[in-house]
PDB file of N, CA and C in Angstrom:
ATOM      1  N   MET A   1      83.601  84.009 132.378  1.00  0.00           N
ATOM      2  CA  MET A   1      84.305  84.153 131.098  1.00  0.00           C
ATOM      3  C   MET A   1      85.737  84.597 131.361  1.00  0.00           C
ATOM      4  N   ALA A   2      86.672  83.941 130.729  1.00  0.00           N
ATOM      5  CA  ALA A   2      88.064  84.353 130.835  1.00  0.00           C
ATOM      6  C   ALA A   2      88.225  85.722 130.193  1.00  0.00           C
ATOM      7  N   LYS A   3      89.035  86.540 130.811  1.00  0.00           N
ATOM      8  CA  LYS A   3      89.230  87.894 130.283  1.00  0.00           C
ATOM      9  C   LYS A   3      90.173  87.846 129.090  1.00  0.00           C
ATOM     10  N   ARG A   4      89.676  88.314 127.991  1.00  0.00           N
ATOM     11  CA  ARG A   4      90.486  88.363 126.779  1.00  0.00           C
ATOM     12  C   ARG A   4      91.247  89.683 126.713  1.00  0.00           C
ATOM     13  N   ILE A   5      92.310  89.675 125.966  1.00  0.00           N
ATOM     14  CA  ILE A   5      93.153  90.851 125.776  1.00  0.00           C
ATOM     15  C   ILE A   5      92.980  91.338 124.349  1.00  0.00           C
ATOM     16  N   ILE A   6      92.724  92.628 124.188  1.00  0.00           N
ATOM     17  CA  ILE A   6      92.599  93.224 122.857  1.00  0.00           C
ATOM     18  C   ILE A   6      93.799  94.130 122.619  1.00  0.00           C
ATOM     19  N   TYR A   7      94.545  93.790 121.605  1.00  0.00           N
ATOM     20  CA  TYR A   7      95.701  94.575 121.179  1.00  0.00           C
ATOM     21  C   TYR A   7      95.206  95.490 120.070  1.00  0.00           C
ATOM     22  N   ASN A   8      95.132  96.785 120.369  1.00  0.00           N
ATOM     23  CA  ASN A   8      94.582  97.767 119.436  1.00  0.00           C
ATOM     24  C   ASN A   8      95.722  98.577 118.827  1.00  0.00           C
ATOM     25  N   VAL A   9      95.803  98.580 117.509  1.00  0.00           N
ATOM     26  CA  VAL A   9      96.816  99.355 116.798  1.00  0.00           C
ATOM     27  C   VAL A   9      96.073 100.405 115.983  1.00  0.00           C
ATOM     28  N   THR A  10      96.266 101.670 116.347  1.00  0.00           N
ATOM     29  CA  THR A  10      95.637 102.780 115.635  1.00  0.00           C
ATOM     30  C   THR A  10      96.676 103.380 114.709  1.00  0.00           C
ATOM     31  N   VAL A  11      96.314 103.494 113.425  1.00  0.00           N
ATOM     32  CA  VAL A  11      97.269 103.947 112.414  1.00  0.00           C
ATOM     33  C   VAL A  11      96.634 105.051 111.577  1.00  0.00           C
ATOM     34  N   ASN A  12      97.320 106.192 111.494  1.00  0.00           N
ATOM     35  CA  ASN A  12      96.918 107.250 110.572  1.00  0.00           C
ATOM     36  C   ASN A  12      97.831 107.131 109.357  1.00  0.00           C
ATOM     37  N   VAL A  13      97.212 106.926 108.189  1.00  0.00           N
ATOM     38  CA  VAL A  13      97.938 106.658 106.952  1.00  0.00           C
ATOM     39  C   VAL A  13      97.737 107.831 105.997  1.00  0.00           C
ATOM     40  N   ASP A  14      98.804 108.238 105.322  1.00  0.00           N
ATOM     41  CA  ASP A  14      98.705 109.328 104.349  1.00  0.00           C
ATOM     42  C   ASP A  14      97.632 109.031 103.313  1.00  0.00           C
ATOM     43  N   ASP A  15      96.916 110.069 102.906  1.00  0.00           N
ATOM     44  CA  ASP A  15      95.842 109.928 101.920  1.00  0.00           C
ATOM     45  C   ASP A  15      96.299 109.227 100.641  1.00  0.00           C
ATOM     46  N   ASP A  16      97.501 109.557 100.169  1.00  0.00           N
ATOM     47  CA  ASP A  16      97.942 109.058  98.869  1.00  0.00           C
ATOM     48  C   ASP A  16      98.286 107.572  98.851  1.00  0.00           C
ATOM     49  N   ILE A  17      98.403 106.936 100.010  1.00  0.00           N
ATOM     50  CA  ILE A  17      98.739 105.502 100.026  1.00  0.00           C
ATOM     51  C   ILE A  17      97.729 104.653 100.793  1.00  0.00           C
ATOM     52  N   HIS A  18      96.665 105.260 101.302  1.00  0.00           N
ATOM     53  CA  HIS A  18      95.817 104.503 102.217  1.00  0.00           C
ATOM     54  C   HIS A  18      95.143 103.307 101.563  1.00  0.00           C
ATOM     55  N   GLU A  19      94.793 103.366 100.279  1.00  0.00           N
ATOM     56  CA  GLU A  19      94.195 102.196  99.607  1.00  0.00           C
ATOM     57  C   GLU A  19      95.210 101.061  99.484  1.00  0.00           C
ATOM     58  N   GLU A  20      96.440 101.404  99.093  1.00  0.00           N
ATOM     59  CA  GLU A  20      97.506 100.396  99.005  1.00  0.00           C
ATOM     60  C   GLU A  20      97.785  99.807 100.377  1.00  0.00           C
ATOM     61  N   TRP A  21      97.839 100.664 101.408  1.00  0.00           N
ATOM     62  CA  TRP A  21      98.080 100.210 102.775  1.00  0.00           C
ATOM     63  C   TRP A  21      96.993  99.238 103.234  1.00  0.00           C
ATOM     64  N   LEU A  22      95.731  99.599 102.991  1.00  0.00           N
ATOM     65  CA  LEU A  22      94.610  98.766 103.417  1.00  0.00           C
ATOM     66  C   LEU A  22      94.659  97.397 102.735  1.00  0.00           C
ATOM     67  N   GLN A  23      94.955  97.382 101.457  1.00  0.00           N
ATOM     68  CA  GLN A  23      95.063  96.123 100.722  1.00  0.00           C
ATOM     69  C   GLN A  23      96.202  95.273 101.294  1.00  0.00           C
ATOM     70  N   TRP A  24      97.357  95.879 101.542  1.00  0.00           N
ATOM     71  CA  TRP A  24      98.507  95.149 102.097  1.00  0.00           C
ATOM     72  C   TRP A  24      98.182  94.608 103.481  1.00  0.00           C
ATOM     73  N   MET A  25      97.506  95.407 104.288  1.00  0.00           N
ATOM     74  CA  MET A  25      97.128  94.946 105.629  1.00  0.00           C
ATOM     75  C   MET A  25      96.235  93.711 105.536  1.00  0.00           C
ATOM     76  N   ARG A  26      95.233  93.765 104.665  1.00  0.00           N
ATOM     77  CA  ARG A  26      94.279  92.653 104.543  1.00  0.00           C
ATOM     78  C   ARG A  26      94.911  91.403 103.946  1.00  0.00           C
ATOM     79  N   GLN A  27      95.802  91.584 102.976  1.00  0.00           N
ATOM     80  CA  GLN A  27      96.343  90.442 102.242  1.00  0.00           C
ATOM     81  C   GLN A  27      97.651  89.895 102.805  1.00  0.00           C
ATOM     82  N   VAL A  28      98.410  90.746 103.506  1.00  0.00           N
ATOM     83  CA  VAL A  28      99.743  90.320 103.954  1.00  0.00           C
ATOM     84  C   VAL A  28      99.889  90.421 105.478  1.00  0.00           C
ATOM     85  N   HIS A  29      99.809  91.629 105.989  1.00  0.00           N
ATOM     86  CA  HIS A  29     100.171  91.843 107.391  1.00  0.00           C
ATOM     87  C   HIS A  29      99.241  91.133 108.380  1.00  0.00           C
ATOM     88  N   ILE A  30      97.951  91.348 108.255  1.00  0.00           N
ATOM     89  CA  ILE A  30      97.020  90.715 109.197  1.00  0.00           C
ATOM     90  C   ILE A  30      97.102  89.188 109.109  1.00  0.00           C
ATOM     91  N   PRO A  31      97.132  88.592 107.904  1.00  0.00           N
ATOM     92  CA  PRO A  31      97.326  87.131 107.858  1.00  0.00           C
ATOM     93  C   PRO A  31      98.635  86.685 108.525  1.00  0.00           C
ATOM     94  N   ASP A  32      99.704  87.481 108.384  1.00  0.00           N
ATOM     95  CA  ASP A  32     100.967  87.135 109.045  1.00  0.00           C
ATOM     96  C   ASP A  32     100.827  87.191 110.563  1.00  0.00           C
ATOM     97  N   VAL A  33     100.146  88.217 111.064  1.00  0.00           N
ATOM     98  CA  VAL A  33      99.929  88.322 112.510  1.00  0.00           C
ATOM     99  C   VAL A  33      99.101  87.136 113.001  1.00  0.00           C
ATOM    100  N   MET A  34      98.037  86.818 112.293  1.00  0.00           N
ATOM    101  CA  MET A  34      97.170  85.720 112.715  1.00  0.00           C
ATOM    102  C   MET A  34      97.881  84.367 112.625  1.00  0.00           C
ATOM    103  N   ALA A  35      98.806  84.231 111.699  1.00  0.00           N
ATOM    104  CA  ALA A  35      99.549  82.975 111.536  1.00  0.00           C
ATOM    105  C   ALA A  35     100.472  82.696 112.719  1.00  0.00           C
ATOM    106  N   THR A  36     100.724  83.678 113.555  1.00  0.00           N
ATOM    107  CA  THR A  36     101.559  83.444 114.738  1.00  0.00           C
ATOM    108  C   THR A  36     100.859  82.534 115.741  1.00  0.00           C
ATOM    109  N   GLY A  37      99.533  82.442 115.649  1.00  0.00           N
ATOM    110  CA  GLY A  37      98.781  81.629 116.584  1.00  0.00           C
ATOM    111  C   GLY A  37      98.535  82.296 117.933  1.00  0.00           C
ATOM    112  N   CYS A  38      98.909  83.551 118.054  1.00  0.00           N
ATOM    113  CA  CYS A  38      98.781  84.262 119.330  1.00  0.00           C
ATOM    114  C   CYS A  38      97.423  84.936 119.503  1.00  0.00           C
ATOM    115  N   PHE A  39      96.676  85.067 118.426  1.00  0.00           N
ATOM    116  CA  PHE A  39      95.393  85.753 118.469  1.00  0.00           C
ATOM    117  C   PHE A  39      94.298  84.846 117.926  1.00  0.00           C
ATOM    118  N   ILE A  40      93.072  85.055 118.419  1.00  0.00           N
ATOM    119  CA  ILE A  40      91.963  84.207 118.007  1.00  0.00           C
ATOM    120  C   ILE A  40      91.023  84.903 117.023  1.00  0.00           C
ATOM    121  N   GLU A  41      91.079  86.237 116.953  1.00  0.00           N
ATOM    122  CA  GLU A  41      90.263  86.963 115.986  1.00  0.00           C
ATOM    123  C   GLU A  41      90.833  88.359 115.787  1.00  0.00           C
ATOM    124  N   TRP A  42      90.349  89.000 114.744  1.00  0.00           N
ATOM    125  CA  TRP A  42      90.781  90.361 114.442  1.00  0.00           C
ATOM    126  C   TRP A  42      89.631  91.123 113.797  1.00  0.00           C
ATOM    127  N   ARG A  43      89.772  92.433 113.814  1.00  0.00           N
ATOM    128  CA  ARG A  43      88.849  93.303 113.069  1.00  0.00           C
ATOM    129  C   ARG A  43      89.608  94.565 112.701  1.00  0.00           C
ATOM    130  N   ILE A  44      89.178  95.173 111.617  1.00  0.00           N
ATOM    131  CA  ILE A  44      89.754  96.444 111.213  1.00  0.00           C
ATOM    132  C   ILE A  44      88.612  97.441 111.063  1.00  0.00           C
ATOM    133  N   CYS A  45      88.812  98.616 111.630  1.00  0.00           N
ATOM    134  CA  CYS A  45      87.789  99.659 111.619  1.00  0.00           C
ATOM    135  C   CYS A  45      88.398 100.947 111.078  1.00  0.00           C
ATOM    136  N   ARG A  46      87.567 101.740 110.446  1.00  0.00           N
ATOM    137  CA  ARG A  46      87.991 103.057 109.980  1.00  0.00           C
ATOM    138  C   ARG A  46      87.349 104.103 110.883  1.00  0.00           C
ATOM    139  N   LEU A  47      88.150 105.019 111.398  1.00  0.00           N
ATOM    140  CA  LEU A  47      87.613 106.088 112.216  1.00  0.00           C
ATOM    141  C   LEU A  47      86.773 107.013 111.352  1.00  0.00           C
ATOM    142  N   LEU A  48      85.622 107.398 111.870  1.00  0.00           N
ATOM    143  CA  LEU A  48      84.705 108.242 111.117  1.00  0.00           C
ATOM    144  C   LEU A  48      84.930 109.729 111.355  1.00  0.00           C
ATOM    145  N   MET A  49      85.622 110.066 112.403  1.00  0.00           N
ATOM    146  CA  MET A  49      85.890 111.473 112.675  1.00  0.00           C
ATOM    147  C   MET A  49      86.844 112.024 111.624  1.00  0.00           C
ATOM    148  N   GLU A  50      86.619 113.257 111.238  1.00  0.00           N
ATOM    149  CA  GLU A  50      87.496 113.895 110.253  1.00  0.00           C
ATOM    150  C   GLU A  50      88.879 114.130 110.841  1.00  0.00           C
ATOM    151  N   GLU A  51      89.879 113.819 110.080  1.00  0.00           N
ATOM    152  CA  GLU A  51      91.258 114.074 110.469  1.00  0.00           C
ATOM    153  C   GLU A  51      91.782 115.250 109.657  1.00  0.00           C
ATOM    154  N   GLU A  52      92.776 115.941 110.200  1.00  0.00           N
ATOM    155  CA  GLU A  52      93.381 117.035 109.444  1.00  0.00           C
ATOM    156  C   GLU A  52      93.990 116.512 108.151  1.00  0.00           C
ATOM    157  N   LYS A  53      94.640 115.382 108.265  1.00  0.00           N
ATOM    158  CA  LYS A  53      95.210 114.744 107.078  1.00  0.00           C
ATOM    159  C   LYS A  53      95.243 113.254 107.295  1.00  0.00           C
ATOM    160  N   GLY A  54      95.210 112.528 106.215  1.00  0.00           N
ATOM    161  CA  GLY A  54      95.296 111.081 106.295  1.00  0.00           C
ATOM    162  C   GLY A  54      93.976 110.415 106.655  1.00  0.00           C
ATOM    163  N   VAL A  55      94.038 109.097 106.696  1.00  0.00           N
ATOM    164  CA  VAL A  55      92.893 108.262 107.041  1.00  0.00           C
ATOM    165  C   VAL A  55      93.334 107.417 108.237  1.00  0.00           C
ATOM    166  N   THR A  56      92.470 107.307 109.234  1.00  0.00           N
ATOM    167  CA  THR A  56      92.848 106.589 110.449  1.00  0.00           C
ATOM    168  C   THR A  56      92.055 105.297 110.579  1.00  0.00           C
ATOM    169  N   TYR A  57      92.783 104.235 110.897  1.00  0.00           N
ATOM    170  CA  TYR A  57      92.213 102.909 111.088  1.00  0.00           C
ATOM    171  C   TYR A  57      92.592 102.395 112.477  1.00  0.00           C
ATOM    172  N   ALA A  58      91.757 101.530 113.017  1.00  0.00           N
ATOM    173  CA  ALA A  58      92.078 100.801 114.245  1.00  0.00           C
ATOM    174  C   ALA A  58      91.997  99.319 113.911  1.00  0.00           C
ATOM    175  N   ILE A  59      93.091  98.616 114.136  1.00  0.00           N
ATOM    176  CA  ILE A  59      93.126  97.176 113.922  1.00  0.00           C
ATOM    177  C   ILE A  59      93.159  96.547 115.315  1.00  0.00           C
ATOM    178  N   GLN A  60      92.223  95.654 115.567  1.00  0.00           N
ATOM    179  CA  GLN A  60      92.132  95.024 116.884  1.00  0.00           C
ATOM    180  C   GLN A  60      92.331  93.518 116.752  1.00  0.00           C
ATOM    181  N   TYR A  61      93.295  93.032 117.512  1.00  0.00           N
ATOM    182  CA  TYR A  61      93.590  91.605 117.566  1.00  0.00           C
ATOM    183  C   TYR A  61      93.212  91.119 118.962  1.00  0.00           C
ATOM    184  N   THR A  62      92.477  90.022 119.045  1.00  0.00           N
ATOM    185  CA  THR A  62      92.048  89.495 120.338  1.00  0.00           C
ATOM    186  C   THR A  62      92.870  88.259 120.698  1.00  0.00           C
ATOM    187  N   ALA A  63      93.462  88.312 121.895  1.00  0.00           N
ATOM    188  CA  ALA A  63      94.225  87.179 122.428  1.00  0.00           C
ATOM    189  C   ALA A  63      93.426  86.538 123.553  1.00  0.00           C
ATOM    190  N   SER A  64      93.556  85.246 123.705  1.00  0.00           N
ATOM    191  CA  SER A  64      92.856  84.528 124.767  1.00  0.00           C
ATOM    192  C   SER A  64      93.411  84.842 126.147  1.00  0.00           C
ATOM    193  N   SER A  65      94.677  85.290 126.193  1.00  0.00           N
ATOM    194  CA  SER A  65      95.311  85.531 127.489  1.00  0.00           C
ATOM    195  C   SER A  65      96.452  86.538 127.338  1.00  0.00           C
ATOM    196  N   MET A  66      96.870  87.084 128.462  1.00  0.00           N
ATOM    197  CA  MET A  66      98.028  87.980 128.460  1.00  0.00           C
ATOM    198  C   MET A  66      99.274  87.212 128.037  1.00  0.00           C
ATOM    199  N   ALA A  67      99.355  85.943 128.390  1.00  0.00           N
ATOM    200  CA  ALA A  67     100.522  85.127 127.996  1.00  0.00           C
ATOM    201  C   ALA A  67     100.632  85.032 126.482  1.00  0.00           C
ATOM    202  N   ASP A  68      99.503  84.873 125.791  1.00  0.00           N
ATOM    203  CA  ASP A  68      99.533  84.815 124.320  1.00  0.00           C
ATOM    204  C   ASP A  68      99.999  86.149 123.740  1.00  0.00           C
ATOM    205  N   PHE A  69      99.493  87.252 124.296  1.00  0.00           N
ATOM    206  CA  PHE A  69      99.929  88.569 123.819  1.00  0.00           C
ATOM    207  C   PHE A  69     101.427  88.756 124.061  1.00  0.00           C
ATOM    208  N   GLU A  70     101.892  88.410 125.245  1.00  0.00           N
ATOM    209  CA  GLU A  70     103.309  88.569 125.567  1.00  0.00           C
ATOM    210  C   GLU A  70     104.189  87.714 124.664  1.00  0.00           C
ATOM    211  N   LYS A  71     103.722  86.540 124.318  1.00  0.00           N
ATOM    212  CA  LYS A  71     104.453  85.685 123.367  1.00  0.00           C
ATOM    213  C   LYS A  71     104.567  86.392 122.021  1.00  0.00           C
ATOM    214  N   TYR A  72     103.463  86.982 121.560  1.00  0.00           N
ATOM    215  CA  TYR A  72     103.483  87.729 120.302  1.00  0.00           C
ATOM    216  C   TYR A  72     104.505  88.863 120.375  1.00  0.00           C
ATOM    217  N   GLN A  73     104.458  89.628 121.455  1.00  0.00           N
ATOM    218  CA  GLN A  73     105.376  90.761 121.603  1.00  0.00           C
ATOM    219  C   GLN A  73     106.826  90.315 121.596  1.00  0.00           C
ATOM    220  N   ARG A  74     107.100  89.222 122.237  1.00  0.00           N
ATOM    221  CA  ARG A  74     108.471  88.730 122.381  1.00  0.00           C
ATOM    222  C   ARG A  74     109.006  88.094 121.097  1.00  0.00           C
ATOM    223  N   LEU A  75     108.187  87.255 120.458  1.00  0.00           N
ATOM    224  CA  LEU A  75     108.689  86.445 119.351  1.00  0.00           C
ATOM    225  C   LEU A  75     108.399  86.992 117.960  1.00  0.00           C
ATOM    226  N   PHE A  76     107.326  87.760 117.794  1.00  0.00           N
ATOM    227  CA  PHE A  76     106.884  88.109 116.447  1.00  0.00           C
ATOM    228  C   PHE A  76     106.772  89.598 116.160  1.00  0.00           C
ATOM    229  N   ALA A  77     106.384  90.399 117.136  1.00  0.00           N
ATOM    230  CA  ALA A  77     106.102  91.814 116.886  1.00  0.00           C
ATOM    231  C   ALA A  77     107.278  92.587 116.294  1.00  0.00           C
ATOM    232  N   PRO A  78     108.499  92.423 116.795  1.00  0.00           N
ATOM    233  CA  PRO A  78     109.590  93.243 116.240  1.00  0.00           C
ATOM    234  C   PRO A  78     109.748  93.094 114.723  1.00  0.00           C
ATOM    235  N   GLU A  79     109.717  91.879 114.226  1.00  0.00           N
ATOM    236  CA  GLU A  79     109.895  91.657 112.788  1.00  0.00           C
ATOM    237  C   GLU A  79     108.686  92.153 111.989  1.00  0.00           C
ATOM    238  N   LEU A  80     107.490  91.874 112.461  1.00  0.00           N
ATOM    239  CA  LEU A  80     106.293  92.306 111.732  1.00  0.00           C
ATOM    240  C   LEU A  80     106.190  93.831 111.705  1.00  0.00           C
ATOM    241  N   GLN A  81     106.531  94.491 112.797  1.00  0.00           N
ATOM    242  CA  GLN A  81     106.515  95.949 112.821  1.00  0.00           C
ATOM    243  C   GLN A  81     107.602  96.530 111.921  1.00  0.00           C
ATOM    244  N   ARG A  82     108.753  95.870 111.878  1.00  0.00           N
ATOM    245  CA  ARG A  82     109.837  96.324 110.994  1.00  0.00           C
ATOM    246  C   ARG A  82     109.399  96.268 109.533  1.00  0.00           C
ATOM    247  N   GLN A  83     108.740  95.179 109.140  1.00  0.00           N
ATOM    248  CA  GLN A  83     108.273  95.049 107.755  1.00  0.00           C
ATOM    249  C   GLN A  83     107.304  96.172 107.402  1.00  0.00           C
ATOM    250  N   HIS A  84     106.379  96.458 108.306  1.00  0.00           N
ATOM    251  CA  HIS A  84     105.404  97.528 108.078  1.00  0.00           C
ATOM    252  C   HIS A  84     106.107  98.878 107.950  1.00  0.00           C
ATOM    253  N   SER A  85     107.035  99.139 108.850  1.00  0.00           N
ATOM    254  CA  SER A  85     107.739 100.420 108.841  1.00  0.00           C
ATOM    255  C   SER A  85     108.574 100.601 107.579  1.00  0.00           C
ATOM    256  N   GLU A  86     109.217  99.547 107.126  1.00  0.00           N
ATOM    257  CA  GLU A  86     110.017  99.648 105.902  1.00  0.00           C
ATOM    258  C   GLU A  86     109.138  99.884 104.684  1.00  0.00           C
ATOM    259  N   LYS A  87     108.018  99.209 104.597  1.00  0.00           N
ATOM    260  CA  LYS A  87     107.154  99.326 103.420  1.00  0.00           C
ATOM    261  C   LYS A  87     106.499 100.698 103.333  1.00  0.00           C
ATOM    262  N   PHE A  88     106.115 101.271 104.468  1.00  0.00           N
ATOM    263  CA  PHE A  88     105.358 102.529 104.455  1.00  0.00           C
ATOM    264  C   PHE A  88     106.090 103.646 105.198  1.00  0.00           C
ATOM    265  N   LYS A  89     107.387 103.633 105.088  1.00  0.00           N
ATOM    266  CA  LYS A  89     108.239 104.600 105.776  1.00  0.00           C
ATOM    267  C   LYS A  89     107.761 106.039 105.560  1.00  0.00           C
ATOM    268  N   ASP A  90     107.654 106.779 106.654  1.00  0.00           N
ATOM    269  CA  ASP A  90     107.274 108.200 106.650  1.00  0.00           C
ATOM    270  C   ASP A  90     105.880 108.466 106.092  1.00  0.00           C
ATOM    271  N   LYS A  91     105.044 107.435 105.956  1.00  0.00           N
ATOM    272  CA  LYS A  91     103.698 107.602 105.399  1.00  0.00           C
ATOM    273  C   LYS A  91     102.611 107.273 106.421  1.00  0.00           C
ATOM    274  N   PHE A  92     102.988 107.029 107.665  1.00  0.00           N
ATOM    275  CA  PHE A  92     102.005 106.656 108.678  1.00  0.00           C
ATOM    276  C   PHE A  92     102.506 107.045 110.066  1.00  0.00           C
ATOM    277  N   VAL A  93     101.568 107.122 110.978  1.00  0.00           N
ATOM    278  CA  VAL A  93     101.854 107.275 112.400  1.00  0.00           C
ATOM    279  C   VAL A  93     100.998 106.235 113.112  1.00  0.00           C
ATOM    280  N   ALA A  94     101.594 105.488 114.034  1.00  0.00           N
ATOM    281  CA  ALA A  94     100.861 104.435 114.731  1.00  0.00           C
ATOM    282  C   ALA A  94     101.056 104.547 116.232  1.00  0.00           C
ATOM    283  N   PHE A  95     100.026 104.155 116.951  1.00  0.00           N
ATOM    284  CA  PHE A  95     100.187 103.962 118.383  1.00  0.00           C
ATOM    285  C   PHE A  95      99.383 102.740 118.794  1.00  0.00           C
ATOM    286  N   ARG A  96      99.850 102.128 119.863  1.00  0.00           N
ATOM    287  CA  ARG A  96      99.295 100.847 120.286  1.00  0.00           C
ATOM    288  C   ARG A  96      98.751 100.942 121.706  1.00  0.00           C
ATOM    289  N   THR A  97      97.618 100.295 121.931  1.00  0.00           N
ATOM    290  CA  THR A  97      97.045 100.231 123.268  1.00  0.00           C
ATOM    291  C   THR A  97      96.648  98.787 123.556  1.00  0.00           C
ATOM    292  N   LEU A  98      96.612  98.466 124.815  1.00  0.00           N
ATOM    293  CA  LEU A  98      96.244  97.132 125.249  1.00  0.00           C
ATOM    294  C   LEU A  98      94.999  97.261 126.119  1.00  0.00           C
ATOM    295  N   LEU A  99      93.965  96.488 125.776  1.00  0.00           N
ATOM    296  CA  LEU A  99      92.692  96.560 126.461  1.00  0.00           C
ATOM    297  C   LEU A  99      92.350  95.201 127.054  1.00  0.00           C
ATOM    298  N   GLU A 100      91.662  95.234 128.182  1.00  0.00           N
ATOM    299  CA  GLU A 100      91.156  94.008 128.769  1.00  0.00           C
ATOM    300  C   GLU A 100      89.644  93.970 128.528  1.00  0.00           C
ATOM    301  N   GLN A 101      89.178  92.931 127.873  1.00  0.00           N
ATOM    302  CA  GLN A 101      87.754  92.783 127.613  1.00  0.00           C
ATOM    303  C   GLN A 101      87.077  92.311 128.890  1.00  0.00           C
ATOM    304  N   LEU A 102      86.125  93.091 129.383  1.00  0.00           N
ATOM    305  CA  LEU A 102      85.474  92.766 130.646  1.00  0.00           C
ATOM    306  C   LEU A 102      84.269  91.852 130.461  1.00  0.00           C
ATOM    307  N   GLU A 103      83.552  92.005 129.379  1.00  0.00           N
ATOM    308  CA  GLU A 103      82.355  91.182 129.138  1.00  0.00           C
ATOM    309  C   GLU A 103      82.300  90.769 127.688  1.00  0.00           C
TER     310      GLU A 103
END
């Protein structure tokens, strides 16, 4: 099996906007990311552990190869991240990790 790449974006969203954020992610942002053609599937998960504040989600996008992920980073990520940051300014904290799927 070819090793797939999982681009994991973990986002803690303020309590007062998390429903609006989740709706925007499902209806706008995730479809925009998938429309780049760089990923073959996605999933969104909610962390079950209690946070001091906010609600935390993990959005995982699966790429067929590192080349597809790198294309996304080079051509699409800056603009898509800018849109997210402008819309939810000061209402979220995000960090990104890159995983290699072994099996």
